[in-house]
Amino acid sequence: MGAEAGEQETPLLYCSLPSNSTIKRTGLSFHSSFLQSIPGCFSDHLIVHVEFIFNETDTDLSLGTVWTAVAHIITGVIGSGILSLAWSMAQLGWIAGPLAMSFFASVALVSTFLICDCYRSPDPEFGPTRNRSFLEAVHETLGERNGFISSILTKISFYGTGIAYTVTTAISLRAIQKSNSYHKDGHEAEQGGASTLFMLLFGAVQVILSQIPDFHHILWLSIFAAIMSVSYASIGSVLGFAQIIENGYVKGGIAGVSADSAADKVWKISQALGDIAYAYPYTLISLEIQDTLKSPPSENKTMKKASIIAFIATTFFYLCFGSFGYAAFGENTPGNLLTGFHSSESYWLVDLANACIVLHLVGGYQVSTQPVFANIEKWIAENSPNSRVVTKNFTCSLPWLPAFQLNLLRLCFRTIYVASTTTIAMIFPYFNQIIGLLGGLKLWTLTIYFPVEMYFKQRNVEAWSTKWIMLRAFSMICLLVSAFIFTGSVEGLIKARFS
């Protein structure tokens, strides 16, 4: 495996290093494509692309520090998942809401601490073997079977993220249309079918962009996505705070919004917990960030310190966004906060925020799906190496984009993939339920189970020891929470679809 293979590596592929190889890390570039390729969100903008060059020396040129890691974590975490936090706060109320955010932040932080110790092996500080991605760590630590399972779960999460992005984009475009209609006509005009049309337009754009290989490694996409996400998150917080001042009082209550029945309240709470879980996608990208850190001190110590700082800052920002939104709208808090300001006098600012979401997710969709494309197309090519469908390439070029190679396999497979996510989004265009479902899907399976099992194997934790019992209890609690979230989100999807 040489430099060429390292450049083609995707987060879904395992990296097996030759036994006689040493590694020289050079030319670190931080892109929005690698971190965004992590499910749930993944926060949809910061990506770390590391070039590996095998050489005879073991020179480590990584220059990352605590503060560069903090910047990457914050940029990687804050994404489209923040949009549902005000709605989640409204379902849980002023006490349970902040506690739930603190709980999921703590869960993600504990999981990150466990994963940080799996970067080097066999010793977490001085081990010669490095695991540079989550999937690589699972494969090397827990074996091929667990690596395969984690890879499948990651693909499913990526696919769900594509559906969520399609729905979110349509909602934001619909909000822009609704806001402009309100201020033009003086009322909320009915415009049926607009969401479906917006989804089809979004799908058409993605069909074109999906034909560009390594679109998610384009440098400007990383910078652009980061600016967009920070922009709409900041605008949402400011608008919420301004609405509170305009109202003259803080809305909301301890028990949250009312529901038609106790069962309905329970299901709404489960969806709210899933939305919050979705907003903390950081665990799966921690090793990529850790691989950019210099040593000494050891990478795991630096990463743990950076994680604490970043999680405190991120959780504070999340609490502000969710609290301002709930305090501004109370019982009428919308599922996506930025859709609730259509009657605001600063509607141009609302339109700008929603436009930032759309622009962010246009690139974010490719970031979350191109690793899947690369993985599956590689598998097809390996099993059908002589097929002209696989080997025949055509050179294509589009304005403002570099020329790229196109073949029949890429055209057919990627078009079908995008069409399927668009179709499912049109059938289930329910933002909070889909976000909750994705949060429940990844909470225990990817965020808890594999990190705990890797830690047990890495540290040789004895069964029924104090540490073993505590981590098993932690895993079981998260499993029950995840099952509750998943069940409630499925119920919400079914009820929304057939009600």
Protein backbone atom coordinates (compact mmCIF):
# COMPACT_ATOMS: atom_id res chain seq x y z
CA MET A 1 0.00 0.00 0.00
CA GLY A 2 1.66 3.17 -1.14
CA ALA A 3 0.93 6.84 -1.37
CA GLU A 4 -1.59 6.34 -4.15
CA ALA A 5 -3.65 3.94 -2.09
CA GLY A 6 -3.53 6.26 0.88
CA GLU A 7 -4.94 9.12 -1.18
CA GLN A 8 -7.85 6.96 -2.35
CA GLU A 9 -8.72 5.66 1.08
CA THR A 10 -12.20 6.43 2.37
CA PRO A 11 -13.52 6.28 5.93
CA LEU A 12 -15.48 3.13 5.06
CA LEU A 13 -12.44 1.14 4.00
CA TYR A 14 -10.04 -0.61 6.28
CA CYS A 15 -6.40 0.34 6.17
CA SER A 16 -4.04 -2.60 6.58
CA LEU A 17 -0.42 -1.50 6.76
CA PRO A 18 2.46 -3.70 5.61
CA SER A 19 4.24 -5.21 8.56
CA ASN A 20 7.60 -3.82 7.51
CA SER A 21 6.33 -0.30 6.85
CA THR A 22 6.93 2.83 8.82
CA ILE A 23 4.90 5.94 8.40
CA LYS A 24 5.76 9.51 7.69
CA ARG A 25 2.77 11.82 8.01
CA THR A 26 3.04 14.82 5.74
CA GLY A 27 0.92 17.48 4.17
CA LEU A 28 -2.04 17.50 6.54
CA SER A 29 -5.00 19.27 5.02
CA PHE A 30 -8.28 19.84 6.81
CA HIS A 31 -11.29 19.37 4.64
CA SER A 32 -15.02 19.33 5.21
CA SER A 33 -15.27 15.99 3.50
CA PHE A 34 -13.80 13.56 5.96
CA LEU A 35 -15.63 14.55 9.15
CA GLN A 36 -18.83 15.09 7.29
CA SER A 37 -18.62 11.54 6.07
CA ILE A 38 -19.38 10.45 9.63
CA PRO A 39 -22.99 9.64 10.24
CA GLY A 40 -25.68 11.59 12.23
CA CYS A 41 -24.59 14.14 11.19
CA PHE A 42 -22.36 14.37 11.48
CA SER A 43 -21.41 17.55 11.61
CA ASP A 44 -21.41 18.45 8.28
CA HIS A 45 -18.40 20.52 7.53
CA LEU A 46 -14.98 19.76 8.93
CA ILE A 47 -13.01 16.90 7.45
CA VAL A 48 -9.52 15.75 8.08
CA HIS A 49 -7.71 14.32 5.07
CA VAL A 50 -4.35 12.84 5.97
CA GLU A 51 -1.83 11.83 3.34
CA PHE A 52 0.20 8.78 4.27
CA ILE A 53 3.61 8.32 2.70
CA PHE A 54 5.52 5.18 3.53
CA ASN A 55 9.19 5.84 3.98
CA GLU A 56 12.19 4.41 5.71
CA THR A 57 12.01 6.96 8.49
CA ASP A 58 9.41 7.31 11.22
CA THR A 59 9.29 11.08 11.19
CA ASP A 60 6.04 12.45 12.60
CA LEU A 61 5.28 15.90 11.25
CA SER A 62 1.84 16.34 12.79
CA LEU A 63 1.65 19.78 14.32
CA GLY A 64 -1.82 19.82 15.90
CA THR A 65 -2.27 21.21 19.40
CA VAL A 66 -5.06 21.32 21.97
CA TRP A 67 -6.51 24.45 20.40
CA THR A 68 -6.42 23.22 16.82
CA ALA A 69 -8.20 20.08 18.01
CA VAL A 70 -10.79 22.20 19.84
CA ALA A 71 -11.44 24.15 16.64
CA HIS A 72 -11.85 20.97 14.58
CA ILE A 73 -14.19 19.40 17.15
CA ILE A 74 -16.46 22.44 17.41
CA THR A 75 -16.58 22.90 13.65
CA GLY A 76 -17.20 19.19 13.19
CA VAL A 77 -20.00 18.93 15.73
CA ILE A 78 -22.11 22.01 15.02
CA GLY A 79 -24.25 21.20 12.00
CA SER A 80 -27.83 20.74 10.84
CA GLY A 81 -28.71 18.78 14.00
CA ILE A 82 -28.80 22.05 15.92
CA LEU A 83 -31.98 23.14 14.09
CA SER A 84 -34.22 20.76 16.07
CA LEU A 85 -32.88 21.58 19.54
CA ALA A 86 -35.47 24.27 20.32
CA TRP A 87 -38.25 21.78 19.50
CA SER A 88 -36.56 19.17 21.67
CA MET A 89 -36.33 21.65 24.53
CA ALA A 90 -40.02 22.42 24.11
CA GLN A 91 -40.99 18.76 24.44
CA LEU A 92 -38.88 18.25 27.56
CA GLY A 93 -39.36 21.55 29.41
CA TRP A 94 -37.03 23.85 31.28
CA ILE A 95 -35.64 21.21 33.64
CA ALA A 96 -35.50 18.01 31.60
CA GLY A 97 -34.36 19.81 28.44
CA PRO A 98 -31.02 21.16 29.72
CA LEU A 99 -30.46 17.93 31.68
CA ALA A 100 -30.96 15.87 28.53
CA MET A 101 -28.46 17.98 26.60
CA SER A 102 -25.96 17.64 29.42
CA PHE A 103 -26.56 13.88 29.54
CA PHE A 104 -25.91 13.30 25.85
CA ALA A 105 -22.89 15.58 25.95
CA SER A 106 -21.54 13.50 28.84
CA VAL A 107 -22.26 10.25 26.99
CA ALA A 108 -20.42 11.49 23.91
CA LEU A 109 -17.52 12.70 26.06
CA VAL A 110 -17.17 9.36 27.89
CA SER A 111 -17.31 7.53 24.57
CA THR A 112 -14.64 9.84 23.18
CA PHE A 113 -12.37 9.17 26.14
CA LEU A 114 -12.68 5.44 25.51
CA ILE A 115 -11.87 5.83 21.82
CA CYS A 116 -8.90 8.13 22.46
CA ASP A 117 -7.13 5.26 24.19
CA CYS A 118 -7.60 3.10 21.09
CA TYR A 119 -5.56 5.36 18.80
CA ARG A 120 -2.31 3.60 19.72
CA SER A 121 -1.93 -0.05 20.58
CA PRO A 122 -1.08 -2.10 22.48
CA ASP A 123 -0.20 0.77 24.83
CA PRO A 124 -2.55 3.82 24.59
CA GLU A 125 0.35 6.28 24.94
CA PHE A 126 3.42 4.63 23.45
CA GLY A 127 2.09 1.80 21.29
CA PRO A 128 3.71 1.62 17.82
CA THR A 129 0.50 0.74 15.98
CA ARG A 130 -1.89 3.57 15.12
CA ASN A 131 -5.58 3.35 14.25
CA ARG A 132 -6.38 6.43 12.19
CA SER A 133 -10.14 6.02 11.85
CA PHE A 134 -13.02 4.57 13.86
CA LEU A 135 -13.66 1.72 11.43
CA GLU A 136 -9.98 0.87 11.26
CA ALA A 137 -9.85 0.76 15.07
CA VAL A 138 -12.88 -1.56 15.25
CA HIS A 139 -11.44 -3.85 12.59
CA GLU A 140 -7.98 -4.05 14.14
CA THR A 141 -9.16 -4.33 17.77
CA LEU A 142 -12.34 -6.42 17.57
CA GLY A 143 -11.73 -8.38 14.40
CA GLU A 144 -13.10 -8.62 10.88
CA ARG A 145 -16.64 -9.61 11.86
CA ASN A 146 -17.17 -6.57 14.09
CA GLY A 147 -15.47 -4.40 11.50
CA PHE A 148 -17.92 -5.60 8.88
CA ILE A 149 -20.91 -4.95 11.16
CA SER A 150 -19.72 -1.44 12.04
CA SER A 151 -19.17 -0.73 8.33
CA ILE A 152 -22.73 -1.81 7.49
CA LEU A 153 -24.18 0.32 10.30
CA THR A 154 -22.16 3.28 9.09
CA LYS A 155 -23.48 2.89 5.56
CA ILE A 156 -27.06 2.74 6.85
CA SER A 157 -26.47 5.88 8.87
CA PHE A 158 -24.98 7.64 5.84
CA TYR A 159 -28.02 6.67 3.78
CA GLY A 160 -30.36 8.02 6.44
CA THR A 161 -28.38 11.24 6.60
CA GLY A 162 -28.96 11.72 2.87
CA ILE A 163 -32.70 11.39 3.44
CA ALA A 164 -32.58 13.85 6.34
CA TYR A 165 -30.66 16.39 4.26
CA THR A 166 -33.22 16.15 1.46
CA VAL A 167 -36.09 16.79 3.88
CA THR A 168 -34.26 19.63 5.66
CA THR A 169 -33.41 21.38 2.39
CA ALA A 170 -37.04 21.26 1.24
CA ILE A 171 -38.22 22.65 4.59
CA SER A 172 -35.75 25.54 4.38
CA LEU A 173 -36.70 26.40 0.80
CA ARG A 174 -40.37 26.21 1.77
CA ALA A 175 -39.65 28.58 4.69
CA ILE A 176 -38.06 31.12 2.32
CA GLN A 177 -41.07 30.88 0.03
CA LYS A 178 -43.47 31.22 2.95
CA SER A 179 -41.65 34.22 4.42
CA ASN A 180 -41.58 36.10 1.14
CA SER A 181 -45.25 35.31 0.51
CA TYR A 182 -46.20 36.55 3.97
CA HIS A 183 -44.45 39.90 3.53
CA LYS A 184 -45.62 40.31 -0.04
CA ASP A 185 -49.29 39.39 0.40
CA GLY A 186 -49.77 40.14 4.09
CA HIS A 187 -50.88 36.59 4.91
CA GLU A 188 -49.65 33.02 4.77
CA ALA A 189 -50.60 31.91 1.30
CA GLU A 190 -51.16 28.21 0.72
CA GLN A 191 -48.68 26.77 -1.73
CA GLY A 192 -49.35 23.06 -1.92
CA GLY A 193 -46.84 20.67 -3.38
CA ALA A 194 -43.90 23.06 -2.98
CA SER A 195 -41.98 20.74 -0.63
CA THR A 196 -42.15 17.85 -3.08
CA LEU A 197 -40.95 20.09 -5.89
CA PHE A 198 -38.04 21.32 -3.79
CA MET A 199 -37.04 17.74 -2.98
CA LEU A 200 -37.07 16.84 -6.67
CA LEU A 201 -34.91 19.87 -7.48
CA PHE A 202 -32.50 18.99 -4.69
CA GLY A 203 -32.33 15.41 -5.96
CA ALA A 204 -31.61 16.59 -9.51
CA VAL A 205 -28.72 18.73 -8.27
CA GLN A 206 -27.33 15.79 -6.30
CA VAL A 207 -27.51 13.49 -9.33
CA ILE A 208 -25.22 15.91 -11.18
CA LEU A 209 -22.84 16.49 -8.28
CA SER A 210 -22.65 12.78 -7.44
CA GLN A 211 -20.97 12.10 -10.79
CA ILE A 212 -17.93 14.09 -9.68
CA PRO A 213 -15.46 11.73 -7.95
CA ASP A 214 -13.97 13.01 -4.70
CA PHE A 215 -16.26 16.05 -4.73
CA HIS A 216 -16.09 15.96 -0.93
CA HIS A 217 -12.32 16.51 -1.03
CA ILE A 218 -12.57 19.88 -2.79
CA LEU A 219 -10.86 22.37 -0.46
CA TRP A 220 -13.30 25.25 -0.82
CA LEU A 221 -16.19 22.98 0.20
CA SER A 222 -14.71 22.59 3.67
CA ILE A 223 -14.36 26.32 4.25
CA PHE A 224 -17.72 27.11 2.68
CA ALA A 225 -19.61 24.51 4.73
CA ALA A 226 -18.05 25.72 7.99
CA ILE A 227 -19.05 29.33 7.26
CA MET A 228 -22.60 28.32 6.34
CA SER A 229 -23.19 26.19 9.46
CA VAL A 230 -21.82 28.77 11.88
CA SER A 231 -23.86 31.47 10.08
CA TYR A 232 -27.28 29.84 10.34
CA ALA A 233 -26.66 28.62 13.89
CA SER A 234 -25.66 32.12 15.01
CA ILE A 235 -28.56 33.79 13.16
CA GLY A 236 -31.02 31.37 14.81
CA SER A 237 -29.73 32.22 18.29
CA VAL A 238 -29.85 35.96 17.62
CA LEU A 239 -33.37 35.80 16.18
CA GLY A 240 -34.58 33.77 19.15
CA PHE A 241 -33.13 36.24 21.62
CA ALA A 242 -34.61 39.17 19.68
CA GLN A 243 -38.04 37.50 19.71
CA ILE A 244 -37.87 37.13 23.50
CA ILE A 245 -37.17 40.85 23.84
CA GLU A 246 -40.05 41.64 21.49
CA ASN A 247 -42.42 39.40 23.47
CA GLY A 248 -41.38 41.02 26.73
CA TYR A 249 -41.36 37.73 28.65
CA VAL A 250 -40.02 34.17 28.55
CA LYS A 251 -42.42 31.54 27.27
CA GLY A 252 -42.45 27.85 28.13
CA GLY A 253 -42.90 25.78 31.27
CA ILE A 254 -41.27 23.15 33.41
CA ALA A 255 -43.22 20.27 31.85
CA GLY A 256 -42.77 21.42 28.26
CA VAL A 257 -45.53 21.68 25.67
CA SER A 258 -48.86 19.99 26.24
CA ALA A 259 -49.94 16.85 24.39
CA ASP A 260 -53.27 15.23 23.48
CA SER A 261 -52.56 12.22 25.69
CA ALA A 262 -49.95 10.77 28.02
CA ALA A 263 -48.86 8.31 25.33
CA ASP A 264 -48.43 11.08 22.80
CA LYS A 265 -46.29 13.01 25.30
CA VAL A 266 -44.08 9.96 25.87
CA TRP A 267 -43.51 9.48 22.13
CA LYS A 268 -42.69 13.17 21.67
CA ILE A 269 -40.15 12.95 24.48
CA SER A 270 -38.49 9.96 22.82
CA GLN A 271 -38.22 11.86 19.52
CA ALA A 272 -36.81 14.89 21.33
CA LEU A 273 -34.12 12.74 22.95
CA GLY A 274 -33.25 11.33 19.52
CA ASP A 275 -32.91 14.81 18.07
CA ILE A 276 -30.48 15.77 20.84
CA ALA A 277 -28.48 12.55 20.37
CA TYR A 278 -28.22 13.31 16.65
CA ALA A 279 -26.67 16.69 17.44
CA TYR A 280 -23.61 15.04 19.05
CA PRO A 281 -21.93 13.12 16.21
CA TYR A 282 -18.37 13.74 17.35
CA THR A 283 -17.37 10.33 18.73
CA LEU A 284 -16.89 8.72 15.32
CA ILE A 285 -14.52 11.41 14.04
CA SER A 286 -12.30 11.70 17.10
CA LEU A 287 -9.51 9.42 15.84
CA GLU A 288 -9.18 11.39 12.60
CA ILE A 289 -8.66 14.57 14.61
CA GLN A 290 -6.37 12.82 17.08
CA ASP A 291 -4.18 11.70 14.18
CA THR A 292 -3.31 15.36 13.48
CA LEU A 293 -1.88 16.00 16.96
CA LYS A 294 1.80 16.29 17.73
CA SER A 295 3.46 14.42 20.55
CA PRO A 296 4.69 14.68 23.23
CA PRO A 297 2.51 14.97 25.20
CA SER A 298 0.80 11.77 24.09
CA GLU A 299 -2.04 12.21 21.61
CA ASN A 300 -4.67 10.68 23.87
CA LYS A 301 -3.94 13.12 26.70
CA THR A 302 -4.08 16.12 24.35
CA MET A 303 -7.27 14.82 22.75
CA LYS A 304 -9.04 14.32 26.07
CA LYS A 305 -8.19 17.85 27.18
CA ALA A 306 -9.38 19.28 23.85
CA SER A 307 -12.60 17.24 24.03
CA ILE A 308 -13.49 18.62 27.46
CA ILE A 309 -13.00 22.22 26.30
CA ALA A 310 -14.87 21.68 23.03
CA PHE A 311 -17.81 19.89 24.64
CA ILE A 312 -18.27 22.61 27.24
CA ALA A 313 -18.30 25.27 24.50
CA THR A 314 -20.57 23.27 22.17
CA THR A 315 -23.07 22.36 24.88
CA PHE A 316 -23.24 26.00 25.99
CA PHE A 317 -23.97 27.04 22.40
CA TYR A 318 -26.60 24.29 22.06
CA LEU A 319 -28.28 25.36 25.29
CA CYS A 320 -28.43 28.95 24.08
CA PHE A 321 -29.89 27.96 20.71
CA GLY A 322 -32.48 25.60 22.21
CA SER A 323 -33.39 27.81 25.15
CA PHE A 324 -33.76 31.01 23.12
CA GLY A 325 -35.97 29.19 20.63
CA TYR A 326 -38.22 27.66 23.28
CA ALA A 327 -38.39 30.90 25.28
CA ALA A 328 -39.38 32.78 22.11
CA PHE A 329 -42.16 30.45 20.89
CA GLY A 330 -43.24 28.34 23.87
CA GLU A 331 -46.10 26.00 22.90
CA ASN A 332 -45.65 26.93 19.24
CA THR A 333 -41.96 26.09 18.95
CA PRO A 334 -41.42 24.75 15.39
CA GLY A 335 -39.57 21.53 14.60
CA ASN A 336 -36.94 23.52 12.69
CA LEU A 337 -36.41 26.79 14.55
CA LEU A 338 -35.62 28.83 11.45
CA THR A 339 -39.05 28.10 9.96
CA GLY A 340 -40.77 29.98 12.80
CA PHE A 341 -39.67 33.53 11.98
CA HIS A 342 -41.56 34.02 8.70
CA SER A 343 -43.52 36.96 10.14
CA SER A 344 -40.44 38.67 11.55
CA GLU A 345 -39.61 42.15 10.31
CA SER A 346 -36.08 40.87 9.75
CA TYR A 347 -37.36 38.28 7.30
CA TRP A 348 -34.40 38.94 5.01
CA LEU A 349 -32.16 37.64 7.81
CA VAL A 350 -34.37 34.56 8.15
CA ASP A 351 -34.14 34.00 4.40
CA LEU A 352 -30.36 34.34 4.62
CA ALA A 353 -30.18 31.74 7.39
CA ASN A 354 -32.36 29.28 5.47
CA ALA A 355 -30.31 29.90 2.32
CA CYS A 356 -27.18 29.07 4.32
CA ILE A 357 -28.77 25.77 5.34
CA VAL A 358 -29.59 24.90 1.73
CA LEU A 359 -26.10 25.75 0.49
CA HIS A 360 -24.56 23.83 3.37
CA LEU A 361 -26.59 20.68 2.74
CA VAL A 362 -26.03 20.69 -1.01
CA GLY A 363 -22.37 19.95 -0.29
CA GLY A 364 -23.09 18.05 2.93
CA TYR A 365 -25.12 15.45 1.02
CA GLN A 366 -22.10 14.62 -1.12
CA VAL A 367 -19.85 14.54 1.91
CA SER A 368 -22.03 11.88 3.55
CA THR A 369 -22.63 9.77 0.43
CA GLN A 370 -19.41 9.78 -1.60
CA PRO A 371 -17.63 7.48 0.88
CA VAL A 372 -20.49 4.99 0.33
CA PHE A 373 -20.16 5.40 -3.44
CA ALA A 374 -16.41 4.77 -3.29
CA ASN A 375 -16.76 1.72 -1.08
CA ILE A 376 -19.47 -0.03 -3.09
CA GLU A 377 -17.97 0.85 -6.47
CA LYS A 378 -14.62 -0.50 -5.32
CA TRP A 379 -16.28 -3.77 -4.34
CA ILE A 380 -18.02 -4.03 -7.74
CA ALA A 381 -14.76 -3.26 -9.56
CA GLU A 382 -12.92 -5.96 -7.62
CA ASN A 383 -15.57 -8.56 -8.46
CA SER A 384 -15.99 -7.52 -12.12
CA PRO A 385 -12.56 -6.18 -13.13
CA ASN A 386 -13.01 -6.82 -16.87
CA SER A 387 -16.49 -5.36 -17.28
CA ARG A 388 -16.63 -2.44 -19.70
CA VAL A 389 -19.32 -0.90 -17.50
CA VAL A 390 -16.65 -0.58 -14.83
CA THR A 391 -13.55 0.21 -16.90
CA LYS A 392 -14.83 2.46 -19.71
CA ASN A 393 -14.44 6.13 -18.77
CA PHE A 394 -15.53 9.35 -20.42
CA THR A 395 -14.09 12.78 -19.69
CA CYS A 396 -16.67 15.36 -18.59
CA SER A 397 -16.38 18.97 -17.53
CA LEU A 398 -18.78 21.44 -15.91
CA PRO A 399 -18.44 25.21 -15.43
CA TRP A 400 -16.38 26.22 -12.36
CA LEU A 401 -15.48 22.59 -11.64
CA PRO A 402 -12.44 20.55 -12.68
CA ALA A 403 -12.77 17.95 -15.44
CA PHE A 404 -13.65 14.49 -14.18
CA GLN A 405 -14.01 10.91 -15.42
CA LEU A 406 -17.49 9.42 -15.86
CA ASN A 407 -18.43 5.81 -16.50
CA LEU A 408 -21.65 3.85 -16.79
CA LEU A 409 -21.34 2.21 -13.38
CA ARG A 410 -21.02 5.56 -11.63
CA LEU A 411 -23.83 7.10 -13.65
CA CYS A 412 -26.30 4.29 -12.99
CA PHE A 413 -25.48 3.41 -9.39
CA ARG A 414 -25.19 6.95 -8.07
CA THR A 415 -28.33 8.09 -9.89
CA ILE A 416 -30.32 5.19 -8.42
CA TYR A 417 -28.91 5.92 -4.96
CA VAL A 418 -29.88 9.61 -5.08
CA ALA A 419 -33.29 8.79 -6.55
CA SER A 420 -33.99 6.34 -3.72
CA THR A 421 -33.13 8.83 -0.96
CA THR A 422 -35.24 11.48 -2.68
CA THR A 423 -38.21 9.10 -3.02
CA ILE A 424 -38.08 8.05 0.64
CA ALA A 425 -37.80 11.71 1.68
CA MET A 426 -40.96 12.51 -0.31
CA ILE A 427 -42.79 9.60 1.34
CA PHE A 428 -41.62 10.53 4.86
CA PRO A 429 -40.99 14.31 4.86
CA TYR A 430 -40.93 14.52 8.66
CA PHE A 431 -37.90 16.35 9.96
CA ASN A 432 -37.95 15.66 13.71
CA GLN A 433 -38.97 12.02 13.39
CA ILE A 434 -36.20 11.25 10.88
CA ILE A 435 -33.59 13.09 12.96
CA GLY A 436 -34.75 11.18 16.06
CA LEU A 437 -34.61 7.86 14.21
CA LEU A 438 -31.03 8.50 13.12
CA GLY A 439 -30.07 9.58 16.63
CA GLY A 440 -31.53 6.40 18.12
CA LEU A 441 -29.90 4.23 15.48
CA LYS A 442 -26.36 5.39 16.12
CA LEU A 443 -26.47 6.19 19.85
CA TRP A 444 -25.79 2.71 21.22
CA THR A 445 -24.58 0.81 18.17
CA LEU A 446 -21.82 3.14 17.00
CA THR A 447 -21.31 5.62 19.84
CA ILE A 448 -21.36 3.24 22.83
CA TYR A 449 -21.09 -0.47 22.05
CA PHE A 450 -17.96 -0.52 19.89
CA PRO A 451 -15.98 2.04 21.97
CA VAL A 452 -16.72 0.10 25.18
CA GLU A 453 -15.78 -3.26 23.65
CA MET A 454 -12.58 -1.81 22.17
CA TYR A 455 -11.64 -0.35 25.54
CA PHE A 456 -12.16 -3.72 27.24
CA LYS A 457 -9.93 -5.41 24.67
CA GLN A 458 -7.31 -2.65 24.65
CA ARG A 459 -6.97 -2.44 28.43
CA ASN A 460 -7.62 -6.15 29.15
CA VAL A 461 -10.35 -5.24 31.64
CA GLU A 462 -11.24 -8.22 33.81
CA ALA A 463 -14.85 -9.39 33.92
CA TRP A 464 -16.79 -8.31 37.02
CA SER A 465 -14.16 -5.81 38.04
CA THR A 466 -15.41 -2.39 39.17
CA LYS A 467 -14.51 -0.79 35.86
CA TRP A 468 -16.11 -3.65 33.91
CA ILE A 469 -19.37 -3.38 35.88
CA MET A 470 -19.55 0.41 35.52
CA LEU A 471 -18.96 0.37 31.76
CA ARG A 472 -21.41 -2.49 31.27
CA ALA A 473 -24.03 -0.56 33.23
CA PHE A 474 -23.25 2.55 31.16
CA SER A 475 -23.68 0.54 27.95
CA MET A 476 -26.94 -1.04 29.13
CA ILE A 477 -28.45 2.31 30.13
CA CYS A 478 -27.58 3.76 26.72
CA LEU A 479 -29.02 0.67 25.02
CA LEU A 480 -32.36 1.20 26.80
CA VAL A 481 -32.35 4.92 25.94
CA SER A 482 -31.51 4.12 22.33
CA ALA A 483 -34.32 1.54 22.10
CA PHE A 484 -36.77 4.07 23.58
CA ILE A 485 -35.69 6.71 21.07
CA PHE A 486 -35.84 4.34 18.12
CA THR A 487 -39.30 3.04 19.06
CA GLY A 488 -40.74 6.51 19.58
CA SER A 489 -39.28 7.81 16.33
CA VAL A 490 -40.68 4.88 14.34
CA GLU A 491 -44.08 5.46 15.96
CA GLY A 492 -43.83 9.14 15.08
CA LEU A 493 -43.00 8.38 11.43
CA ILE A 494 -45.89 5.96 11.09
CA LYS A 495 -48.34 8.28 12.83
CA ALA A 496 -47.27 11.30 10.76
CA ARG A 497 -47.47 9.31 7.53
CA PHE A 498 -50.95 7.87 8.04
CA SER A 499 -52.65 10.53 10.16
